[in-house]
Amino acid sequence: MDVLRSVPYQRRFLSIEPLLEDLHDIDLQKIDWILVGGMSGPLWEDKSIEMAWAASLYDKAQSAGVPYFWKQISRFRPEQGTNALALVPCKT
């Protein structure tokens, strides 16, 4: 990420997918937006995302003023498609 921050571009984004561990210590300085998602395909059961990890990144992004795009979840959840992170009210 330090190399990414040093590149002279107007927009920098991180694609953090699949999210396989907690990145609570990530530095979002000079990052313009992040994409977050879980493992898809046949390995999703072995390498599932923990929602707490995604929520932690969301909080970090909100604090830094970085837009957060939630892409996909690793496994079926009954709340999927409504508000899987349960962080903010869904807007219709």
PDB file of N, CA and C in Angstrom:
ATOM      1  N   MET A   1       0.807  -1.181   0.000  1.00  0.00           N
ATOM      2  CA  MET A   1       0.000   0.000   0.000  1.00  0.00           C
ATOM      3  C   MET A   1       0.858   1.256   0.000  1.00  0.00           C
ATOM      4  N   ASP A   2       2.040   1.175   0.561  1.00  0.00           N
ATOM      5  CA  ASP A   2       2.924   2.342   0.522  1.00  0.00           C
ATOM      6  C   ASP A   2       3.301   2.681  -0.912  1.00  0.00           C
ATOM      7  N   VAL A   3       3.543   1.670  -1.735  1.00  0.00           N
ATOM      8  CA  VAL A   3       3.857   1.902  -3.145  1.00  0.00           C
ATOM      9  C   VAL A   3       2.656   2.536  -3.835  1.00  0.00           C
ATOM     10  N   LEU A   4       1.467   2.025  -3.579  1.00  0.00           N
ATOM     11  CA  LEU A   4       0.249   2.588  -4.172  1.00  0.00           C
ATOM     12  C   LEU A   4       0.098   4.062  -3.798  1.00  0.00           C
ATOM     13  N   ARG A   5       0.329   4.380  -2.548  1.00  0.00           N
ATOM     14  CA  ARG A   5       0.216   5.773  -2.102  1.00  0.00           C
ATOM     15  C   ARG A   5       1.227   6.684  -2.782  1.00  0.00           C
ATOM     16  N   SER A   6       2.357   6.150  -3.187  1.00  0.00           N
ATOM     17  CA  SER A   6       3.405   6.967  -3.806  1.00  0.00           C
ATOM     18  C   SER A   6       3.183   7.203  -5.305  1.00  0.00           C
ATOM     19  N   VAL A   7       2.273   6.464  -5.914  1.00  0.00           N
ATOM     20  CA  VAL A   7       2.002   6.611  -7.349  1.00  0.00           C
ATOM     21  C   VAL A   7       1.182   7.884  -7.569  1.00  0.00           C
ATOM     22  N   PRO A   8       1.599   8.737  -8.496  1.00  0.00           N
ATOM     23  CA  PRO A   8       0.920  10.021  -8.694  1.00  0.00           C
ATOM     24  C   PRO A   8      -0.366   9.908  -9.529  1.00  0.00           C
ATOM     25  N   TYR A   9      -1.415   9.394  -8.920  1.00  0.00           N
ATOM     26  CA  TYR A   9      -2.719   9.282  -9.572  1.00  0.00           C
ATOM     27  C   TYR A   9      -3.748  10.072  -8.791  1.00  0.00           C
ATOM     28  N   GLN A  10      -4.838  10.424  -9.462  1.00  0.00           N
ATOM     29  CA  GLN A  10      -5.893  11.175  -8.792  1.00  0.00           C
ATOM     30  C   GLN A  10      -6.740  10.293  -7.877  1.00  0.00           C
ATOM     31  N   ARG A  11      -6.922   9.029  -8.223  1.00  0.00           N
ATOM     32  CA  ARG A  11      -7.753   8.119  -7.432  1.00  0.00           C
ATOM     33  C   ARG A  11      -7.012   6.821  -7.180  1.00  0.00           C
ATOM     34  N   ARG A  12      -7.066   6.381  -5.937  1.00  0.00           N
ATOM     35  CA  ARG A  12      -6.469   5.097  -5.557  1.00  0.00           C
ATOM     36  C   ARG A  12      -7.531   4.268  -4.843  1.00  0.00           C
ATOM     37  N   PHE A  13      -7.650   2.997  -5.226  1.00  0.00           N
ATOM     38  CA  PHE A  13      -8.607   2.152  -4.534  1.00  0.00           C
ATOM     39  C   PHE A  13      -7.989   0.804  -4.222  1.00  0.00           C
ATOM     40  N   LEU A  14      -8.539   0.177  -3.203  1.00  0.00           N
ATOM     41  CA  LEU A  14      -8.126  -1.159  -2.811  1.00  0.00           C
ATOM     42  C   LEU A  14      -9.273  -2.119  -3.058  1.00  0.00           C
ATOM     43  N   SER A  15      -8.965  -3.244  -3.644  1.00  0.00           N
ATOM     44  CA  SER A  15      -9.926  -4.322  -3.782  1.00  0.00           C
ATOM     45  C   SER A  15      -9.518  -5.381  -2.763  1.00  0.00           C
ATOM     46  N   ILE A  16     -10.223  -5.415  -1.660  1.00  0.00           N
ATOM     47  CA  ILE A  16      -9.882  -6.324  -0.563  1.00  0.00           C
ATOM     48  C   ILE A  16     -10.852  -7.497  -0.622  1.00  0.00           C
ATOM     49  N   GLU A  17     -10.589  -8.367  -1.565  1.00  0.00           N
ATOM     50  CA  GLU A  17     -11.430  -9.532  -1.776  1.00  0.00           C
ATOM     51  C   GLU A  17     -10.613 -10.664  -2.384  1.00  0.00           C
ATOM     52  N   PRO A  18     -10.665 -11.796  -1.826  1.00  0.00           N
ATOM     53  CA  PRO A  18     -11.453 -12.104  -0.652  1.00  0.00           C
ATOM     54  C   PRO A  18     -10.771 -11.607   0.630  1.00  0.00           C
ATOM     55  N   LEU A  19     -11.578 -11.137   1.546  1.00  0.00           N
ATOM     56  CA  LEU A  19     -11.090 -10.726   2.858  1.00  0.00           C
ATOM     57  C   LEU A  19     -10.923 -11.993   3.684  1.00  0.00           C
ATOM     58  N   LEU A  20      -9.680 -12.338   4.002  1.00  0.00           N
ATOM     59  CA  LEU A  20      -9.387 -13.610   4.668  1.00  0.00           C
ATOM     60  C   LEU A  20      -8.914 -13.456   6.103  1.00  0.00           C
ATOM     61  N   GLU A  21      -8.764 -12.202   6.560  1.00  0.00           N
ATOM     62  CA  GLU A  21      -8.333 -11.975   7.939  1.00  0.00           C
ATOM     63  C   GLU A  21      -8.727 -10.562   8.357  1.00  0.00           C
ATOM     64  N   ASP A  22      -8.607 -10.313   9.635  1.00  0.00           N
ATOM     65  CA  ASP A  22      -8.929  -8.999  10.173  1.00  0.00           C
ATOM     66  C   ASP A  22      -7.823  -8.018   9.791  1.00  0.00           C
ATOM     67  N   LEU A  23      -8.203  -6.900   9.191  1.00  0.00           N
ATOM     68  CA  LEU A  23      -7.242  -5.874   8.790  1.00  0.00           C
ATOM     69  C   LEU A  23      -7.441  -4.605   9.622  1.00  0.00           C
ATOM     70  N   HIS A  24      -7.651  -4.772  10.913  1.00  0.00           N
ATOM     71  CA  HIS A  24      -7.956  -3.649  11.786  1.00  0.00           C
ATOM     72  C   HIS A  24      -6.851  -2.591  11.824  1.00  0.00           C
ATOM     73  N   ASP A  25      -5.643  -2.960  11.479  1.00  0.00           N
ATOM     74  CA  ASP A  25      -4.528  -2.006  11.524  1.00  0.00           C
ATOM     75  C   ASP A  25      -4.211  -1.389  10.154  1.00  0.00           C
ATOM     76  N   ILE A  26      -5.091  -1.553   9.184  1.00  0.00           N
ATOM     77  CA  ILE A  26      -4.862  -1.018   7.844  1.00  0.00           C
ATOM     78  C   ILE A  26      -4.833   0.513   7.872  1.00  0.00           C
ATOM     79  N   ASP A  27      -3.938   1.080   7.102  1.00  0.00           N
ATOM     80  CA  ASP A  27      -3.811   2.540   6.996  1.00  0.00           C
ATOM     81  C   ASP A  27      -4.462   2.979   5.686  1.00  0.00           C
ATOM     82  N   LEU A  28      -5.557   3.714   5.772  1.00  0.00           N
ATOM     83  CA  LEU A  28      -6.284   4.146   4.580  1.00  0.00           C
ATOM     84  C   LEU A  28      -5.895   5.551   4.130  1.00  0.00           C
ATOM     85  N   GLN A  29      -4.812   6.055   4.654  1.00  0.00           N
ATOM     86  CA  GLN A  29      -4.340   7.380   4.244  1.00  0.00           C
ATOM     87  C   GLN A  29      -4.043   7.377   2.745  1.00  0.00           C
ATOM     88  N   LYS A  30      -4.552   8.374   2.031  1.00  0.00           N
ATOM     89  CA  LYS A  30      -4.398   8.550   0.581  1.00  0.00           C
ATOM     90  C   LYS A  30      -5.056   7.448  -0.244  1.00  0.00           C
ATOM     91  N   ILE A  31      -6.023   6.743   0.338  1.00  0.00           N
ATOM     92  CA  ILE A  31      -6.819   5.753  -0.385  1.00  0.00           C
ATOM     93  C   ILE A  31      -8.191   6.382  -0.597  1.00  0.00           C
ATOM     94  N   ASP A  32      -8.706   6.333  -1.824  1.00  0.00           N
ATOM     95  CA  ASP A  32      -9.937   7.029  -2.160  1.00  0.00           C
ATOM     96  C   ASP A  32     -11.199   6.183  -2.010  1.00  0.00           C
ATOM     97  N   TRP A  33     -11.090   4.894  -2.122  1.00  0.00           N
ATOM     98  CA  TRP A  33     -12.216   4.024  -1.846  1.00  0.00           C
ATOM     99  C   TRP A  33     -11.751   2.584  -1.768  1.00  0.00           C
ATOM    100  N   ILE A  34     -12.562   1.741  -1.103  1.00  0.00           N
ATOM    101  CA  ILE A  34     -12.216   0.325  -0.971  1.00  0.00           C
ATOM    102  C   ILE A  34     -13.416  -0.542  -1.363  1.00  0.00           C
ATOM    103  N   LEU A  35     -13.095  -1.683  -1.935  1.00  0.00           N
ATOM    104  CA  LEU A  35     -14.073  -2.724  -2.247  1.00  0.00           C
ATOM    105  C   LEU A  35     -13.772  -3.890  -1.313  1.00  0.00           C
ATOM    106  N   VAL A  36     -14.799  -4.450  -0.714  1.00  0.00           N
ATOM    107  CA  VAL A  36     -14.608  -5.546   0.241  1.00  0.00           C
ATOM    108  C   VAL A  36     -15.557  -6.675  -0.117  1.00  0.00           C
ATOM    109  N   GLY A  37     -15.059  -7.896  -0.029  1.00  0.00           N
ATOM    110  CA  GLY A  37     -15.917  -9.044  -0.302  1.00  0.00           C
ATOM    111  C   GLY A  37     -15.324 -10.332   0.223  1.00  0.00           C
ATOM    112  N   GLY A  38     -16.150 -11.352   0.258  1.00  0.00           N
ATOM    113  CA  GLY A  38     -15.723 -12.663   0.721  1.00  0.00           C
ATOM    114  C   GLY A  38     -15.321 -13.568  -0.429  1.00  0.00           C
ATOM    115  N   MET A  39     -14.879 -14.732  -0.071  1.00  0.00           N
ATOM    116  CA  MET A  39     -14.457 -15.742  -1.039  1.00  0.00           C
ATOM    117  C   MET A  39     -15.671 -16.285  -1.786  1.00  0.00           C
ATOM    118  N   SER A  40     -15.536 -16.439  -3.083  1.00  0.00           N
ATOM    119  CA  SER A  40     -16.592 -17.076  -3.863  1.00  0.00           C
ATOM    120  C   SER A  40     -16.041 -18.368  -4.444  1.00  0.00           C
ATOM    121  N   GLY A  41     -16.898 -19.120  -5.054  1.00  0.00           N
ATOM    122  CA  GLY A  41     -16.462 -20.358  -5.676  1.00  0.00           C
ATOM    123  C   GLY A  41     -16.367 -21.503  -4.689  1.00  0.00           C
ATOM    124  N   PRO A  42     -15.717 -22.588  -5.106  1.00  0.00           N
ATOM    125  CA  PRO A  42     -15.720 -23.812  -4.304  1.00  0.00           C
ATOM    126  C   PRO A  42     -14.966 -23.715  -2.968  1.00  0.00           C
ATOM    127  N   LEU A  43     -14.150 -22.708  -2.781  1.00  0.00           N
ATOM    128  CA  LEU A  43     -13.386 -22.605  -1.532  1.00  0.00           C
ATOM    129  C   LEU A  43     -14.092 -21.794  -0.452  1.00  0.00           C
ATOM    130  N   TRP A  44     -15.281 -21.255  -0.727  1.00  0.00           N
ATOM    131  CA  TRP A  44     -15.901 -20.343   0.223  1.00  0.00           C
ATOM    132  C   TRP A  44     -16.145 -20.970   1.585  1.00  0.00           C
ATOM    133  N   GLU A  45     -16.435 -22.271   1.634  1.00  0.00           N
ATOM    134  CA  GLU A  45     -16.690 -22.903   2.935  1.00  0.00           C
ATOM    135  C   GLU A  45     -15.428 -22.995   3.772  1.00  0.00           C
ATOM    136  N   ASP A  46     -14.287 -23.204   3.130  1.00  0.00           N
ATOM    137  CA  ASP A  46     -13.023 -23.320   3.854  1.00  0.00           C
ATOM    138  C   ASP A  46     -12.430 -21.964   4.210  1.00  0.00           C
ATOM    139  N   LYS A  47     -12.770 -20.941   3.445  1.00  0.00           N
ATOM    140  CA  LYS A  47     -12.182 -19.616   3.632  1.00  0.00           C
ATOM    141  C   LYS A  47     -13.271 -18.558   3.723  1.00  0.00           C
ATOM    142  N   SER A  48     -14.142 -18.726   4.679  1.00  0.00           N
ATOM    143  CA  SER A  48     -15.273 -17.813   4.836  1.00  0.00           C
ATOM    144  C   SER A  48     -14.845 -16.507   5.484  1.00  0.00           C
ATOM    145  N   ILE A  49     -15.542 -15.465   5.114  1.00  0.00           N
ATOM    146  CA  ILE A  49     -15.304 -14.151   5.690  1.00  0.00           C
ATOM    147  C   ILE A  49     -15.989 -14.071   7.054  1.00  0.00           C
ATOM    148  N   GLU A  50     -15.359 -13.396   7.975  1.00  0.00           N
ATOM    149  CA  GLU A  50     -15.987 -13.099   9.256  1.00  0.00           C
ATOM    150  C   GLU A  50     -16.596 -11.705   9.135  1.00  0.00           C
ATOM    151  N   MET A  51     -17.871 -11.586   9.421  1.00  0.00           N
ATOM    152  CA  MET A  51     -18.544 -10.305   9.275  1.00  0.00           C
ATOM    153  C   MET A  51     -17.928  -9.226  10.156  1.00  0.00           C
ATOM    154  N   ALA A  52     -17.352  -9.607  11.273  1.00  0.00           N
ATOM    155  CA  ALA A  52     -16.685  -8.631  12.144  1.00  0.00           C
ATOM    156  C   ALA A  52     -15.505  -7.986  11.428  1.00  0.00           C
ATOM    157  N   TRP A  53     -14.817  -8.738  10.566  1.00  0.00           N
ATOM    158  CA  TRP A  53     -13.694  -8.170   9.807  1.00  0.00           C
ATOM    159  C   TRP A  53     -14.207  -7.107   8.847  1.00  0.00           C
ATOM    160  N   ALA A  54     -15.286  -7.423   8.139  1.00  0.00           N
ATOM    161  CA  ALA A  54     -15.868  -6.475   7.186  1.00  0.00           C
ATOM    162  C   ALA A  54     -16.403  -5.248   7.916  1.00  0.00           C
ATOM    163  N   ALA A  55     -17.022  -5.455   9.053  1.00  0.00           N
ATOM    164  CA  ALA A  55     -17.559  -4.335   9.836  1.00  0.00           C
ATOM    165  C   ALA A  55     -16.433  -3.443  10.348  1.00  0.00           C
ATOM    166  N   SER A  56     -15.331  -4.044  10.749  1.00  0.00           N
ATOM    167  CA  SER A  56     -14.173  -3.278  11.211  1.00  0.00           C
ATOM    168  C   SER A  56     -13.619  -2.401  10.094  1.00  0.00           C
ATOM    169  N   LEU A  57     -13.531  -2.948   8.889  1.00  0.00           N
ATOM    170  CA  LEU A  57     -13.075  -2.161   7.742  1.00  0.00           C
ATOM    171  C   LEU A  57     -14.056  -1.042   7.415  1.00  0.00           C
ATOM    172  N   TYR A  58     -15.337  -1.333   7.543  1.00  0.00           N
ATOM    173  CA  TYR A  58     -16.355  -0.313   7.304  1.00  0.00           C
ATOM    174  C   TYR A  58     -16.171   0.849   8.281  1.00  0.00           C
ATOM    175  N   ASP A  59     -16.017   0.529   9.549  1.00  0.00           N
ATOM    176  CA  ASP A  59     -15.803   1.569  10.564  1.00  0.00           C
ATOM    177  C   ASP A  59     -14.553   2.380  10.266  1.00  0.00           C
ATOM    178  N   LYS A  60     -13.495   1.696   9.891  1.00  0.00           N
ATOM    179  CA  LYS A  60     -12.228   2.368   9.569  1.00  0.00           C
ATOM    180  C   LYS A  60     -12.420   3.306   8.370  1.00  0.00           C
ATOM    181  N   ALA A  61     -13.118   2.829   7.345  1.00  0.00           N
ATOM    182  CA  ALA A  61     -13.370   3.640   6.154  1.00  0.00           C
ATOM    183  C   ALA A  61     -14.223   4.860   6.507  1.00  0.00           C
ATOM    184  N   GLN A  62     -15.253   4.654   7.312  1.00  0.00           N
ATOM    185  CA  GLN A  62     -16.108   5.768   7.713  1.00  0.00           C
ATOM    186  C   GLN A  62     -15.297   6.824   8.468  1.00  0.00           C
ATOM    187  N   SER A  63     -14.460   6.394   9.372  1.00  0.00           N
ATOM    188  CA  SER A  63     -13.626   7.324  10.140  1.00  0.00           C
ATOM    189  C   SER A  63     -12.668   8.105   9.247  1.00  0.00           C
ATOM    190  N   ALA A  64     -12.185   7.460   8.188  1.00  0.00           N
ATOM    191  CA  ALA A  64     -11.223   8.091   7.276  1.00  0.00           C
ATOM    192  C   ALA A  64     -11.903   8.849   6.136  1.00  0.00           C
ATOM    193  N   GLY A  65     -13.235   8.754   6.045  1.00  0.00           N
ATOM    194  CA  GLY A  65     -13.951   9.410   4.951  1.00  0.00           C
ATOM    195  C   GLY A  65     -13.742   8.723   3.617  1.00  0.00           C
ATOM    196  N   VAL A  66     -13.493   7.414   3.654  1.00  0.00           N
ATOM    197  CA  VAL A  66     -13.234   6.629   2.439  1.00  0.00           C
ATOM    198  C   VAL A  66     -14.497   5.846   2.080  1.00  0.00           C
ATOM    199  N   PRO A  67     -15.030   6.008   0.861  1.00  0.00           N
ATOM    200  CA  PRO A  67     -16.192   5.221   0.450  1.00  0.00           C
ATOM    201  C   PRO A  67     -15.891   3.721   0.496  1.00  0.00           C
ATOM    202  N   TYR A  68     -16.876   2.967   0.929  1.00  0.00           N
ATOM    203  CA  TYR A  68     -16.763   1.523   1.144  1.00  0.00           C
ATOM    204  C   TYR A  68     -17.806   0.839   0.272  1.00  0.00           C
ATOM    205  N   PHE A  69     -17.364  -0.062  -0.582  1.00  0.00           N
ATOM    206  CA  PHE A  69     -18.277  -0.809  -1.437  1.00  0.00           C
ATOM    207  C   PHE A  69     -18.260  -2.266  -1.006  1.00  0.00           C
ATOM    208  N   TRP A  70     -19.386  -2.758  -0.550  1.00  0.00           N
ATOM    209  CA  TRP A  70     -19.523  -4.158  -0.140  1.00  0.00           C
ATOM    210  C   TRP A  70     -19.935  -4.973  -1.347  1.00  0.00           C
ATOM    211  N   LYS A  71     -19.111  -5.950  -1.728  1.00  0.00           N
ATOM    212  CA  LYS A  71     -19.339  -6.683  -2.964  1.00  0.00           C
ATOM    213  C   LYS A  71     -20.096  -7.991  -2.768  1.00  0.00           C
ATOM    214  N   GLN A  72     -19.623  -8.842  -1.876  1.00  0.00           N
ATOM    215  CA  GLN A  72     -20.285 -10.138  -1.725  1.00  0.00           C
ATOM    216  C   GLN A  72     -19.910 -10.773  -0.400  1.00  0.00           C
ATOM    217  N   ILE A  73     -20.735 -11.705  -0.012  1.00  0.00           N
ATOM    218  CA  ILE A  73     -20.507 -12.454   1.219  1.00  0.00           C
ATOM    219  C   ILE A  73     -20.029 -13.853   0.839  1.00  0.00           C
ATOM    220  N   SER A  74     -19.347 -14.519   1.721  1.00  0.00           N
ATOM    221  CA  SER A  74     -18.809 -15.843   1.420  1.00  0.00           C
ATOM    222  C   SER A  74     -19.861 -16.937   1.429  1.00  0.00           C
ATOM    223  N   ARG A  75     -20.835 -16.808   2.296  1.00  0.00           N
ATOM    224  CA  ARG A  75     -21.776 -17.906   2.479  1.00  0.00           C
ATOM    225  C   ARG A  75     -23.195 -17.366   2.583  1.00  0.00           C
ATOM    226  N   PHE A  76     -24.139 -18.265   2.483  1.00  0.00           N
ATOM    227  CA  PHE A  76     -25.536 -17.875   2.587  1.00  0.00           C
ATOM    228  C   PHE A  76     -25.811 -17.305   3.967  1.00  0.00           C
ATOM    229  N   ARG A  77     -26.500 -16.208   3.975  1.00  0.00           N
ATOM    230  CA  ARG A  77     -26.982 -15.590   5.216  1.00  0.00           C
ATOM    231  C   ARG A  77     -28.434 -15.204   4.981  1.00  0.00           C
ATOM    232  N   PRO A  78     -29.297 -15.388   5.953  1.00  0.00           N
ATOM    233  CA  PRO A  78     -30.685 -14.999   5.746  1.00  0.00           C
ATOM    234  C   PRO A  78     -30.841 -13.507   5.487  1.00  0.00           C
ATOM    235  N   GLU A  79     -29.929 -12.706   6.005  1.00  0.00           N
ATOM    236  CA  GLU A  79     -30.015 -11.263   5.812  1.00  0.00           C
ATOM    237  C   GLU A  79     -29.388 -10.806   4.504  1.00  0.00           C
ATOM    238  N   GLN A  80     -28.822 -11.720   3.742  1.00  0.00           N
ATOM    239  CA  GLN A  80     -28.180 -11.380   2.486  1.00  0.00           C
ATOM    240  C   GLN A  80     -29.172 -10.664   1.577  1.00  0.00           C
ATOM    241  N   GLY A  81     -28.721  -9.568   1.010  1.00  0.00           N
ATOM    242  CA  GLY A  81     -29.574  -8.815   0.113  1.00  0.00           C
ATOM    243  C   GLY A  81     -30.338  -7.703   0.804  1.00  0.00           C
ATOM    244  N   THR A  82     -30.295  -7.660   2.128  1.00  0.00           N
ATOM    245  CA  THR A  82     -30.973  -6.572   2.830  1.00  0.00           C
ATOM    246  C   THR A  82     -29.944  -5.672   3.490  1.00  0.00           C
ATOM    247  N   ASN A  83     -29.269  -6.161   4.488  1.00  0.00           N
ATOM    248  CA  ASN A  83     -28.271  -5.380   5.197  1.00  0.00           C
ATOM    249  C   ASN A  83     -27.330  -6.343   5.903  1.00  0.00           C
ATOM    250  N   ALA A  84     -26.501  -7.022   5.144  1.00  0.00           N
ATOM    251  CA  ALA A  84     -25.660  -8.088   5.685  1.00  0.00           C
ATOM    252  C   ALA A  84     -24.710  -7.610   6.773  1.00  0.00           C
ATOM    253  N   LEU A  85     -24.254  -6.370   6.689  1.00  0.00           N
ATOM    254  CA  LEU A  85     -23.340  -5.880   7.712  1.00  0.00           C
ATOM    255  C   LEU A  85     -24.086  -5.358   8.935  1.00  0.00           C
ATOM    256  N   ALA A  86     -25.362  -5.071   8.800  1.00  0.00           N
ATOM    257  CA  ALA A  86     -26.191  -4.587   9.893  1.00  0.00           C
ATOM    258  C   ALA A  86     -25.579  -3.359  10.557  1.00  0.00           C
ATOM    259  N   LEU A  87     -25.022  -2.473   9.735  1.00  0.00           N
ATOM    260  CA  LEU A  87     -24.349  -1.297  10.270  1.00  0.00           C
ATOM    261  C   LEU A  87     -25.183  -0.038  10.138  1.00  0.00           C
ATOM    262  N   VAL A  88     -25.866   0.086   9.030  1.00  0.00           N
ATOM    263  CA  VAL A  88     -26.674   1.286   8.787  1.00  0.00           C
ATOM    264  C   VAL A  88     -28.015   0.846   8.220  1.00  0.00           C
ATOM    265  N   PRO A  89     -29.051   1.634   8.430  1.00  0.00           N
ATOM    266  CA  PRO A  89     -30.353   1.240   7.872  1.00  0.00           C
ATOM    267  C   PRO A  89     -30.276   1.144   6.345  1.00  0.00           C
ATOM    268  N   CYS A  90     -30.929   0.141   5.797  1.00  0.00           N
ATOM    269  CA  CYS A  90     -30.988  -0.003   4.341  1.00  0.00           C
ATOM    270  C   CYS A  90     -31.869   1.079   3.772  1.00  0.00           C
ATOM    271  N   LYS A  91     -31.449   1.658   2.660  1.00  0.00           N
ATOM    272  CA  LYS A  91     -32.245   2.673   1.981  1.00  0.00           C
ATOM    273  C   LYS A  91     -32.939   2.016   0.806  1.00  0.00           C
ATOM    274  N   THR A  92     -34.198   2.295   0.642  1.00  0.00           N
ATOM    275  CA  THR A  92     -34.944   1.702  -0.471  1.00  0.00           C
ATOM    276  C   THR A  92     -35.209   2.740  -1.524  1.00  0.00           C
TER     277      THR A  92
END
